[in-house]
Protein backbone atom coordinates (compact mmCIF):
# COMPACT_ATOMS: atom_id res chain seq x y z
CA MET A 1 0.00 0.00 0.00
CA PHE A 2 1.14 3.54 -0.71
CA ALA A 3 -0.47 6.94 -0.52
CA LEU A 4 -1.65 8.36 -3.83
CA SER A 5 -2.70 12.00 -3.80
CA ARG A 6 -5.17 13.46 -6.24
CA ARG A 7 -2.32 15.41 -7.80
CA ASP A 8 -0.29 12.23 -8.28
CA MET A 9 -3.27 10.52 -9.87
CA LEU A 10 -3.75 13.34 -12.37
CA ARG A 11 -0.10 13.21 -13.31
CA SER A 12 -0.21 9.46 -13.98
CA THR A 13 -3.43 9.34 -16.04
CA SER A 14 -4.15 10.33 -19.63
CA CYS A 15 -4.73 13.89 -18.45
CA GLY A 16 -1.16 14.11 -17.26
CA PHE A 17 0.17 15.98 -20.31
CA GLY A 18 -2.59 18.55 -20.00
CA TYR A 19 -1.84 18.89 -16.31
CA LEU A 20 1.83 19.51 -17.02
CA ALA A 21 0.99 22.05 -19.70
CA MET A 22 -1.27 23.95 -17.32
CA ALA A 23 1.33 23.76 -14.56
CA GLY A 24 3.89 25.25 -16.91
CA LEU A 25 1.59 28.12 -17.82
CA THR A 26 0.70 28.96 -14.25
CA SER A 27 3.97 28.23 -12.47
CA LYS A 28 5.82 30.97 -10.64
CA PRO A 29 8.93 31.08 -8.48
CA ALA A 30 8.51 29.40 -5.12
CA ALA A 31 7.56 31.78 -2.34
CA ALA A 32 10.25 32.70 0.14
CA VAL A 33 10.24 30.65 3.32
CA PRO A 34 8.65 32.75 6.11
CA THR A 35 11.23 33.80 8.65
CA LEU A 36 11.60 36.19 11.56
CA ALA A 37 15.27 36.75 10.80
CA PRO A 38 16.06 40.48 10.72
CA LYS A 39 16.13 42.02 7.26
CA ILE A 40 17.97 45.08 6.01
CA PRO A 41 15.36 47.69 5.02
CA PRO A 42 15.51 48.73 1.37
CA LEU A 43 15.37 52.46 2.22
CA PRO A 44 17.30 54.52 4.78
CA ALA A 45 15.52 53.93 8.08
CA LYS A 46 15.04 56.44 10.88
CA ALA A 47 13.16 54.00 13.12
CA LYS A 48 13.83 50.38 13.98
CA ARG A 49 10.74 49.55 15.98
CA VAL A 50 7.23 50.78 16.83
CA ILE A 51 5.14 51.19 19.98
CA PHE A 52 1.50 51.86 19.14
CA LEU A 53 -0.59 53.33 21.97
CA CYS A 54 -4.09 52.46 20.76
CA MET A 55 -6.85 54.48 22.43
CA GLY A 56 -9.96 52.55 21.42
CA GLY A 57 -13.27 54.40 21.27
CA GLY A 58 -12.22 57.74 19.81
CA PRO A 59 -10.51 60.35 22.04
CA SER A 60 -11.90 63.87 21.80
CA GLN A 61 -9.38 65.89 19.81
CA THR A 62 -10.53 69.33 21.01
CA ASP A 63 -10.18 68.29 24.66
CA THR A 64 -6.71 66.76 24.34
CA PHE A 65 -4.33 68.10 21.65
CA ASP A 66 -6.35 70.31 19.27
CA TYR A 67 -6.90 73.63 21.04
CA LYS A 68 -9.94 75.58 19.86
CA PRO A 69 -10.23 78.78 21.89
CA GLN A 70 -13.39 80.83 22.02
CA THR A 71 -13.23 83.86 19.75
CA GLY A 72 -15.62 86.80 19.61
CA ASN A 73 -18.58 87.34 21.90
CA LYS A 74 -20.62 84.30 20.87
CA PRO A 75 -19.50 81.00 22.41
CA HIS A 76 -19.12 78.15 19.95
CA PRO A 77 -18.23 74.46 20.25
CA GLY A 78 -14.55 74.04 20.98
CA SER A 79 -12.24 72.99 23.81
CA LEU A 80 -13.97 72.21 27.10
CA PHE A 81 -10.81 72.14 29.17
CA LYS A 82 -8.05 74.63 29.78
CA PHE A 83 -5.02 74.35 27.46
CA ASN A 84 -1.46 75.44 28.14
CA GLN A 85 1.46 76.13 25.85
CA CYS A 86 4.10 73.61 26.83
CA GLY A 87 7.84 73.23 26.38
CA GLN A 88 10.09 75.39 24.26
CA SER A 89 7.98 74.48 21.25
CA GLY A 90 4.87 75.99 22.80
CA LEU A 91 2.61 73.11 21.82
CA TRP A 92 -0.94 73.54 23.10
CA ILE A 93 -1.82 70.58 25.33
CA SER A 94 -4.86 70.04 27.53
CA GLU A 95 -4.69 70.36 31.30
CA LEU A 96 -5.78 66.71 31.35
CA PHE A 97 -2.18 65.68 30.56
CA PRO A 98 -0.01 67.38 33.22
CA GLU A 99 2.76 64.74 33.01
CA LEU A 100 2.73 64.16 29.27
CA SER A 101 2.83 67.91 28.67
CA LYS A 102 6.33 67.91 30.19
CA HIS A 103 7.38 65.97 27.07
CA ALA A 104 5.75 68.38 24.62
CA ASP A 105 9.06 68.94 22.85
CA LYS A 106 9.12 65.26 21.89
CA LEU A 107 5.65 65.22 20.30
CA CYS A 108 4.69 65.63 16.66
CA LEU A 109 0.94 66.38 16.52
CA LEU A 110 -1.11 65.32 13.51
CA ASN A 111 -4.16 67.56 13.87
CA GLY A 112 -5.56 66.86 10.42
CA MET A 113 -6.33 63.15 10.68
CA TYR A 114 -9.46 61.80 8.99
CA ALA A 115 -11.01 58.41 8.26
CA ASP A 116 -13.76 56.89 6.11
CA SER A 117 -16.25 55.66 8.68
CA THR A 118 -17.83 56.77 11.94
CA ASN A 119 -18.65 53.17 12.79
CA HIS A 120 -16.35 51.83 15.50
CA ALA A 121 -15.82 48.36 14.05
CA GLN A 122 -15.12 49.53 10.51
CA SER A 123 -12.85 52.43 11.42
CA PHE A 124 -10.98 50.39 14.04
CA LEU A 125 -10.32 47.70 11.44
CA GLN A 126 -9.15 50.28 8.91
CA LEU A 127 -6.81 51.85 11.45
CA HIS A 128 -5.13 48.50 12.00
CA THR A 129 -5.28 46.91 8.56
CA GLY A 130 -6.02 49.62 6.01
CA GLU A 131 -9.28 47.85 5.09
CA ARG A 132 -12.60 48.62 6.80
CA LEU A 133 -14.81 45.82 5.47
CA ARG A 134 -12.73 42.63 5.12
CA PRO A 135 -10.11 40.89 7.25
CA ARG A 136 -6.58 41.85 6.27
CA PRO A 137 -3.14 41.60 7.93
CA SER A 138 -2.54 44.04 10.76
CA MET A 139 0.07 46.75 10.29
CA GLY A 140 2.18 45.02 12.95
CA SER A 141 2.19 41.87 10.83
CA TRP A 142 3.15 43.85 7.72
CA VAL A 143 6.05 45.45 9.59
CA VAL A 144 7.41 42.10 10.79
CA TYR A 145 6.87 40.60 7.32
CA GLY A 146 8.99 43.41 5.87
CA LEU A 147 11.70 43.62 8.52
CA GLY A 148 11.72 40.46 10.60
CA THR A 149 12.66 41.00 14.22
CA GLU A 150 15.82 41.55 16.23
CA SER A 151 15.19 38.70 18.68
CA GLN A 152 14.74 35.10 17.61
CA ASN A 153 13.44 34.11 21.05
CA LEU A 154 10.48 36.47 21.08
CA PRO A 155 7.63 37.27 18.69
CA GLY A 156 8.16 40.11 16.26
CA PHE A 157 4.75 41.55 17.11
CA ILE A 158 3.04 41.68 20.53
CA SER A 159 -0.40 43.10 21.34
CA ILE A 160 -1.27 43.73 24.99
CA HIS A 161 -4.94 43.68 26.03
CA PRO A 162 -6.17 43.49 22.41
CA ALA A 163 -9.83 44.33 21.84
CA LYS A 164 -10.30 41.62 19.22
CA PRO A 165 -8.14 39.16 17.21
CA SER A 166 -8.49 41.16 13.99
CA ILE A 167 -6.12 43.84 15.27
CA TYR A 168 -3.19 41.44 15.60
CA SER A 169 -4.12 38.97 12.87
CA SER A 170 -1.69 38.14 10.06
CA SER A 171 -4.70 37.10 7.91
CA PHE A 172 -3.28 35.69 4.66
CA LEU A 173 0.32 36.44 5.63
CA PRO A 174 2.08 33.33 7.04
CA PRO A 175 1.25 32.61 10.70
CA VAL A 176 4.75 33.44 11.91
CA TYR A 177 3.89 37.13 11.38
CA GLU A 178 0.79 36.91 13.58
CA GLY A 179 0.76 39.13 16.65
CA THR A 180 1.13 37.39 20.01
CA PRO A 181 -1.61 38.54 22.41
CA ILE A 182 -1.08 39.12 26.13
CA GLY A 183 -4.03 39.61 28.45
CA VAL A 184 -6.61 38.59 25.86
CA ASN A 185 -9.41 38.35 28.43
CA GLY A 186 -8.61 41.58 30.23
CA GLU A 187 -6.53 39.92 32.96
CA ASP A 188 -4.81 42.01 35.58
CA MET A 189 -1.46 42.85 34.01
CA SER A 190 0.36 41.89 37.22
CA THR A 191 -0.54 38.25 36.50
CA ALA A 192 -1.12 38.25 32.72
CA THR A 193 0.80 35.71 30.66
CA ILE A 194 1.23 34.66 27.06
CA PRO A 195 -1.47 32.03 26.43
CA ASN A 196 -0.45 28.37 26.15
CA ILE A 197 3.27 29.03 26.55
CA ALA A 198 3.86 26.93 29.67
CA ASN A 199 3.86 23.13 30.06
CA SER A 200 4.73 22.08 33.57
CA HIS A 201 4.15 18.38 32.85
CA LEU A 202 7.33 17.84 30.83
CA THR A 203 10.99 18.62 31.35
CA PRO A 204 12.70 20.93 28.83
CA GLU A 205 14.44 17.90 27.32
CA SER A 206 11.15 16.04 26.90
CA LYS A 207 9.53 19.11 25.37
CA ARG A 208 12.32 19.28 22.80
CA LEU A 209 11.93 15.60 21.93
CA GLN A 210 8.18 16.00 21.60
CA LEU A 211 8.55 19.02 19.34
CA ASP A 212 11.18 17.27 17.21
CA LEU A 213 8.71 14.46 16.54
CA VAL A 214 5.90 16.87 15.65
CA GLN A 215 8.21 18.92 13.43
CA ALA A 216 9.46 15.82 11.61
CA LEU A 217 5.86 15.00 10.72
CA ASN A 218 5.23 18.62 9.73
CA ARG A 219 8.25 18.71 7.42
CA GLU A 220 7.24 15.42 5.80
CA HIS A 221 3.81 16.93 5.19
CA SER A 222 5.35 20.14 3.85
CA ALA A 223 7.74 18.31 1.51
CA ALA A 224 4.78 16.96 -0.47
CA ARG A 225 3.46 20.50 -0.85
CA SER A 226 6.59 22.44 -1.70
CA GLY A 227 6.31 26.17 -1.89
CA ASP A 228 3.44 26.51 0.61
CA PRO A 229 4.51 29.41 2.85
CA SER A 230 1.63 28.81 5.27
CA LEU A 231 2.98 25.39 6.25
CA GLU A 232 6.49 26.76 6.64
CA GLY A 233 5.06 29.55 8.76
CA VAL A 234 3.41 27.07 11.12
CA ILE A 235 6.68 25.14 11.47
CA GLU A 236 8.54 28.34 12.27
CA SER A 237 5.84 29.41 14.76
CA LEU A 238 6.17 26.16 16.71
CA GLU A 239 9.93 26.62 16.96
CA LEU A 240 9.42 30.20 18.14
CA GLY A 241 6.94 29.03 20.77
CA PHE A 242 9.51 26.61 22.15
CA ARG A 243 12.21 29.28 22.33
CA MET A 244 9.83 31.73 23.99
CA GLN A 245 9.30 29.43 26.98
CA SER A 246 12.61 30.40 28.50
CA THR A 247 12.63 34.09 27.50
CA ALA A 248 9.10 35.52 27.70
CA PRO A 249 8.29 34.72 31.36
CA LYS A 250 11.37 36.63 32.50
CA LEU A 251 10.30 39.72 30.56
CA LEU A 252 6.78 39.58 31.96
CA ASP A 253 8.18 39.55 35.50
CA THR A 254 8.74 43.20 36.44
CA THR A 255 9.78 42.54 40.05
CA ASN A 256 13.41 43.23 39.18
CA GLU A 257 12.61 46.83 38.23
CA SER A 258 13.59 49.51 40.73
CA ALA A 259 11.02 51.08 43.03
CA ALA A 260 11.66 54.43 41.31
CA THR A 261 10.93 52.97 37.88
CA LEU A 262 7.72 51.30 39.05
CA ALA A 263 6.57 54.53 40.68
CA ALA A 264 7.34 56.55 37.55
CA TYR A 265 5.09 54.27 35.48
CA GLY A 266 2.34 54.34 38.11
CA VAL A 267 2.85 50.67 38.95
CA GLY A 268 1.98 49.92 42.54
CA PRO A 269 -1.09 50.36 44.71
CA THR A 270 -3.89 50.52 42.17
CA LYS A 271 -5.30 53.94 41.41
CA SER A 272 -8.60 53.52 39.64
CA PHE A 273 -10.11 56.22 37.48
CA GLY A 274 -13.49 55.36 36.04
CA THR A 275 -13.37 51.72 34.93
CA SER A 276 -9.57 51.54 34.45
CA SER A 277 -6.49 51.59 36.66
CA GLU A 278 -3.24 53.46 36.26
CA ASP A 279 -1.38 50.40 37.53
CA ASP A 280 -2.71 48.25 34.68
CA PHE A 281 -1.80 50.67 31.90
CA GLY A 282 1.49 51.50 33.61
CA ARG A 283 2.42 47.82 33.42
CA GLN A 284 1.56 47.79 29.74
CA CYS A 285 3.90 50.73 29.11
CA LEU A 286 6.67 49.20 31.19
CA LEU A 287 6.35 45.89 29.34
CA ALA A 288 6.47 47.73 26.03
CA ARG A 289 9.83 49.21 26.96
CA ARG A 290 11.11 45.81 28.10
CA PHE A 291 9.93 44.09 24.92
CA ILE A 292 11.40 46.57 22.45
CA GLU A 293 14.61 46.69 24.47
CA SER A 294 14.79 42.90 23.98
CA GLY A 295 14.33 43.11 20.22
CA VAL A 296 10.57 42.95 19.58
CA ARG A 297 9.79 44.92 16.41
CA PHE A 298 6.20 46.06 17.01
CA VAL A 299 4.38 46.40 20.34
CA GLN A 300 0.78 47.53 20.63
CA LEU A 301 -0.80 48.70 23.88
CA ASN A 302 -4.56 48.98 24.14
CA HIS A 303 -6.68 51.22 26.31
CA GLY A 304 -10.38 51.31 25.48
CA SER A 305 -13.42 53.14 26.87
CA TRP A 306 -12.80 56.48 25.08
CA ASP A 307 -16.32 56.30 23.64
CA GLN A 308 -17.89 59.06 25.75
CA HIS A 309 -21.52 59.24 24.63
CA LYS A 310 -22.54 60.52 28.04
CA ASN A 311 -20.71 61.85 31.09
CA HIS A 312 -18.15 63.13 28.60
CA ARG A 313 -16.23 65.44 30.93
CA ALA A 314 -15.87 62.98 33.80
CA ASP A 315 -15.14 59.92 31.68
CA LEU A 316 -12.61 61.70 29.49
CA THR A 317 -10.88 63.07 32.58
CA ALA A 318 -10.68 59.55 34.03
CA ASN A 319 -9.18 58.10 30.86
CA CYS A 320 -6.54 60.80 30.66
CA GLN A 321 -5.63 60.23 34.32
CA VAL A 322 -5.08 56.54 33.60
CA VAL A 323 -2.71 57.01 30.65
CA ASP A 324 -1.00 60.34 31.42
CA ARG A 325 1.73 59.30 33.85
CA PRO A 326 2.52 55.91 32.24
CA ILE A 327 2.96 57.41 28.76
CA ALA A 328 5.10 60.22 30.13
CA ALA A 329 7.25 57.66 31.95
CA LEU A 330 7.57 55.58 28.79
CA LEU A 331 8.80 58.54 26.72
CA GLY A 332 11.25 59.57 29.41
CA ASP A 333 12.51 56.04 29.94
CA LEU A 334 13.02 55.48 26.20
CA GLU A 335 14.96 58.72 25.95
CA ASN A 336 17.15 57.97 28.97
CA ARG A 337 18.04 54.55 27.55
CA GLY A 338 18.87 55.91 24.11
CA LEU A 339 15.91 54.09 22.55
CA LEU A 340 13.56 56.94 21.61
CA GLU A 341 15.72 58.09 18.72
CA ASP A 342 14.97 54.94 16.71
CA THR A 343 11.67 53.90 18.31
CA LEU A 344 8.53 55.37 16.75
CA VAL A 345 5.76 55.93 19.30
CA VAL A 346 2.25 56.37 17.87
CA TRP A 347 -0.84 57.53 19.86
CA GLY A 348 -4.45 57.66 18.67
CA GLY A 349 -7.79 55.96 18.16
CA GLU A 350 -10.17 55.06 15.34
CA PHE A 351 -11.62 58.59 15.10
CA GLY A 352 -12.38 61.65 17.21
CA ARG A 353 -15.49 63.31 18.59
CA PRO A 354 -17.55 66.37 17.66
CA SER A 355 -16.73 69.30 19.92
CA LEU A 356 -19.15 70.43 22.61
CA ASN A 357 -20.12 73.96 23.58
CA PRO A 358 -18.45 74.92 26.87
CA SER A 359 -21.24 77.38 27.65
CA THR A 360 -23.89 74.65 27.89
CA LYS A 361 -24.45 71.69 30.22
CA GLU A 362 -24.42 69.30 27.29
CA ASP A 363 -22.23 66.37 28.29
CA ALA A 364 -22.65 63.73 25.59
CA SER A 365 -20.58 63.41 22.43
CA GLY A 366 -20.83 61.38 19.25
CA HIS A 367 -18.42 60.08 16.60
CA ASN A 368 -16.36 62.24 14.27
CA ALA A 369 -14.15 60.82 11.52
CA ARG A 370 -13.80 64.08 9.55
CA GLY A 371 -11.07 65.53 11.74
CA PHE A 372 -9.14 64.29 14.78
CA THR A 373 -5.65 64.01 16.28
CA PHE A 374 -2.83 61.47 16.42
CA TRP A 375 0.63 62.16 17.73
CA LEU A 376 4.02 60.63 17.01
CA ALA A 377 7.25 60.75 18.97
CA GLY A 378 10.83 59.59 18.36
CA GLY A 379 11.69 57.46 15.36
CA GLY A 380 12.76 60.28 13.06
CA VAL A 381 9.76 62.63 13.32
CA LYS A 382 9.97 66.37 13.99
CA PRO A 383 9.78 67.03 17.73
CA GLY A 384 7.63 69.82 19.13
CA PHE A 385 5.83 70.13 15.81
CA VAL A 386 2.24 70.45 14.60
CA HIS A 387 1.12 69.20 11.20
CA GLY A 388 -2.35 69.92 9.87
CA LYS A 389 -5.37 71.61 11.41
CA THR A 390 -9.12 71.38 11.73
CA ASP A 391 -11.70 74.13 11.27
CA ASP A 392 -12.44 76.64 14.04
CA MET A 393 -14.71 74.19 15.83
CA GLY A 394 -12.27 71.30 15.50
CA ASN A 395 -14.67 69.07 13.63
CA GLN A 396 -13.20 68.79 10.13
CA ALA A 397 -9.64 68.54 8.84
CA VAL A 398 -8.99 71.47 6.53
CA ASP A 399 -5.20 71.52 6.11
CA GLY A 400 -2.43 68.92 6.18
CA LYS A 401 -4.99 66.12 5.98
CA VAL A 402 -3.70 62.65 6.88
CA HIS A 403 -5.72 59.52 6.19
CA PHE A 404 -5.02 56.18 7.89
CA ARG A 405 -3.44 55.02 4.60
CA ASP A 406 -1.08 58.02 4.74
CA LEU A 407 -0.25 57.25 8.36
CA HIS A 408 0.60 53.66 7.38
CA ALA A 409 2.72 54.82 4.44
CA THR A 410 4.62 57.23 6.71
CA LEU A 411 5.16 54.62 9.40
CA LEU A 412 6.59 52.17 6.85
CA HIS A 413 8.77 54.88 5.31
CA LEU A 414 10.29 55.76 8.69
CA LEU A 415 11.12 52.06 9.09
CA GLY A 416 12.86 52.03 5.71
CA LEU A 417 10.07 50.29 3.81
CA ASP A 418 8.46 51.47 0.56
CA HIS A 419 4.72 51.07 1.07
CA GLU A 420 4.17 50.54 -2.66
CA LYS A 421 6.70 47.70 -2.81
CA LEU A 422 5.86 45.92 0.43
CA THR A 423 3.45 43.48 -1.22
CA TYR A 424 2.16 39.93 -0.88
CA GLU A 425 0.60 37.68 -3.50
CA TYR A 426 -2.58 35.95 -2.38
CA GLY A 427 -5.46 34.45 -4.32
CA GLY A 428 -4.11 35.74 -7.61
CA ARG A 429 -3.96 39.34 -6.35
CA THR A 430 -1.22 41.62 -5.07
CA PHE A 431 -1.94 43.15 -1.66
CA ARG A 432 -0.27 45.84 0.38
CA LEU A 433 -1.07 47.60 3.65
CA THR A 434 -1.80 50.94 2.00
CA GLY A 435 -4.03 49.59 -0.78
CA THR A 436 -4.25 51.21 -4.19
CA GLU A 437 -6.01 54.49 -3.37
CA GLY A 438 -3.09 56.87 -3.54
CA ALA A 439 -1.57 56.72 -0.07
CA LYS A 440 1.26 59.19 0.45
CA VAL A 441 4.13 59.59 2.87
CA VAL A 442 3.64 62.69 5.05
CA ARG A 443 7.13 64.05 4.50
CA ASN A 444 6.46 67.27 6.39
CA VAL A 445 6.63 65.43 9.73
CA ILE A 446 9.97 63.72 9.03
CA ALA A 447 12.96 65.31 10.69
């Protein structure tokens, strides 16, 4: 007895010549074997890695980084909170960020952001993948696909407290580029782990023997299907998982950090604001620094609940209190360790919110994708700089407009990747993160 595949049967029957002719017409070079090995970027790179601070729900731009003062005698919708000019650059930053405002001279504000949808799910998906209707690879997966990673014992892409799998999915890219989630069920970050990484029932030697057997079967299976990058990606992912068992737990354990460092990040006795705690987000920021310092290419932190449809003032204040000190500590820590220069930090959500009138008691806001704010820091962007603006009420981008596709193109460019050439063939089509709708690099923000 021997195994006879359908393909083998076709080759050996009278249709074999036709099969060979068709194979010759449709053949193409074998796809490259998926690998996390670091790659030299094709363009000069200003950044080596990315930390994305994802504020899910849509932060209000006019109450955070887009100052809209009242002018004339008739009050109009604008900024609800007091703003101050901060740093030598004089950037206007809300009073809700007293610690982050001390780092104003590191920030590059994008006040002309806009998106295609005011629906959370669609805009959130487009922010992460460039596509708002269909599953596509996350930008973290694209980055690791293009550059690999600097550590072979850790994933290239990590997402902490992800809202849903679609934001760290590699989709049709090989599985080795998939993001590794931490705290997928909202666990307390002091005890959160990488799922399914531990096996206390076997010794390290037995684990290696077990994996060698599984991998031998996998390679035998792959040999009969040469050129299938998905199978090679699975094989590589299993090897990575084995190597992670000795490295990842040590990085997740922050007990060896100094008391001063923990205090700077707000890690310690939990301070709760609204439904979130400073301790939890502080641990996310601290882990981000530890991960990128250890060679991880792309780290995403997630803080939701910015969807203030009611109790806008109180809930927005609570959210800012949760993230203010940890983000400030992260920027300062990166700078002190010489990492900020080539680490691109990105802050923002899927859209903004329409401004409210400070002269009224109205305290409920909606969704606004026509104009909102992101900011960048480090990684080759202009510090203490503002690009773009919204109208007088802060509701619509009118100058220096930046779409999510432009943000993606700029991010890739800073990493030394050409967004038009970072492509992947799938299902007979050529895909890229920035699509085919004229994405452009925002060169005005590059230092």
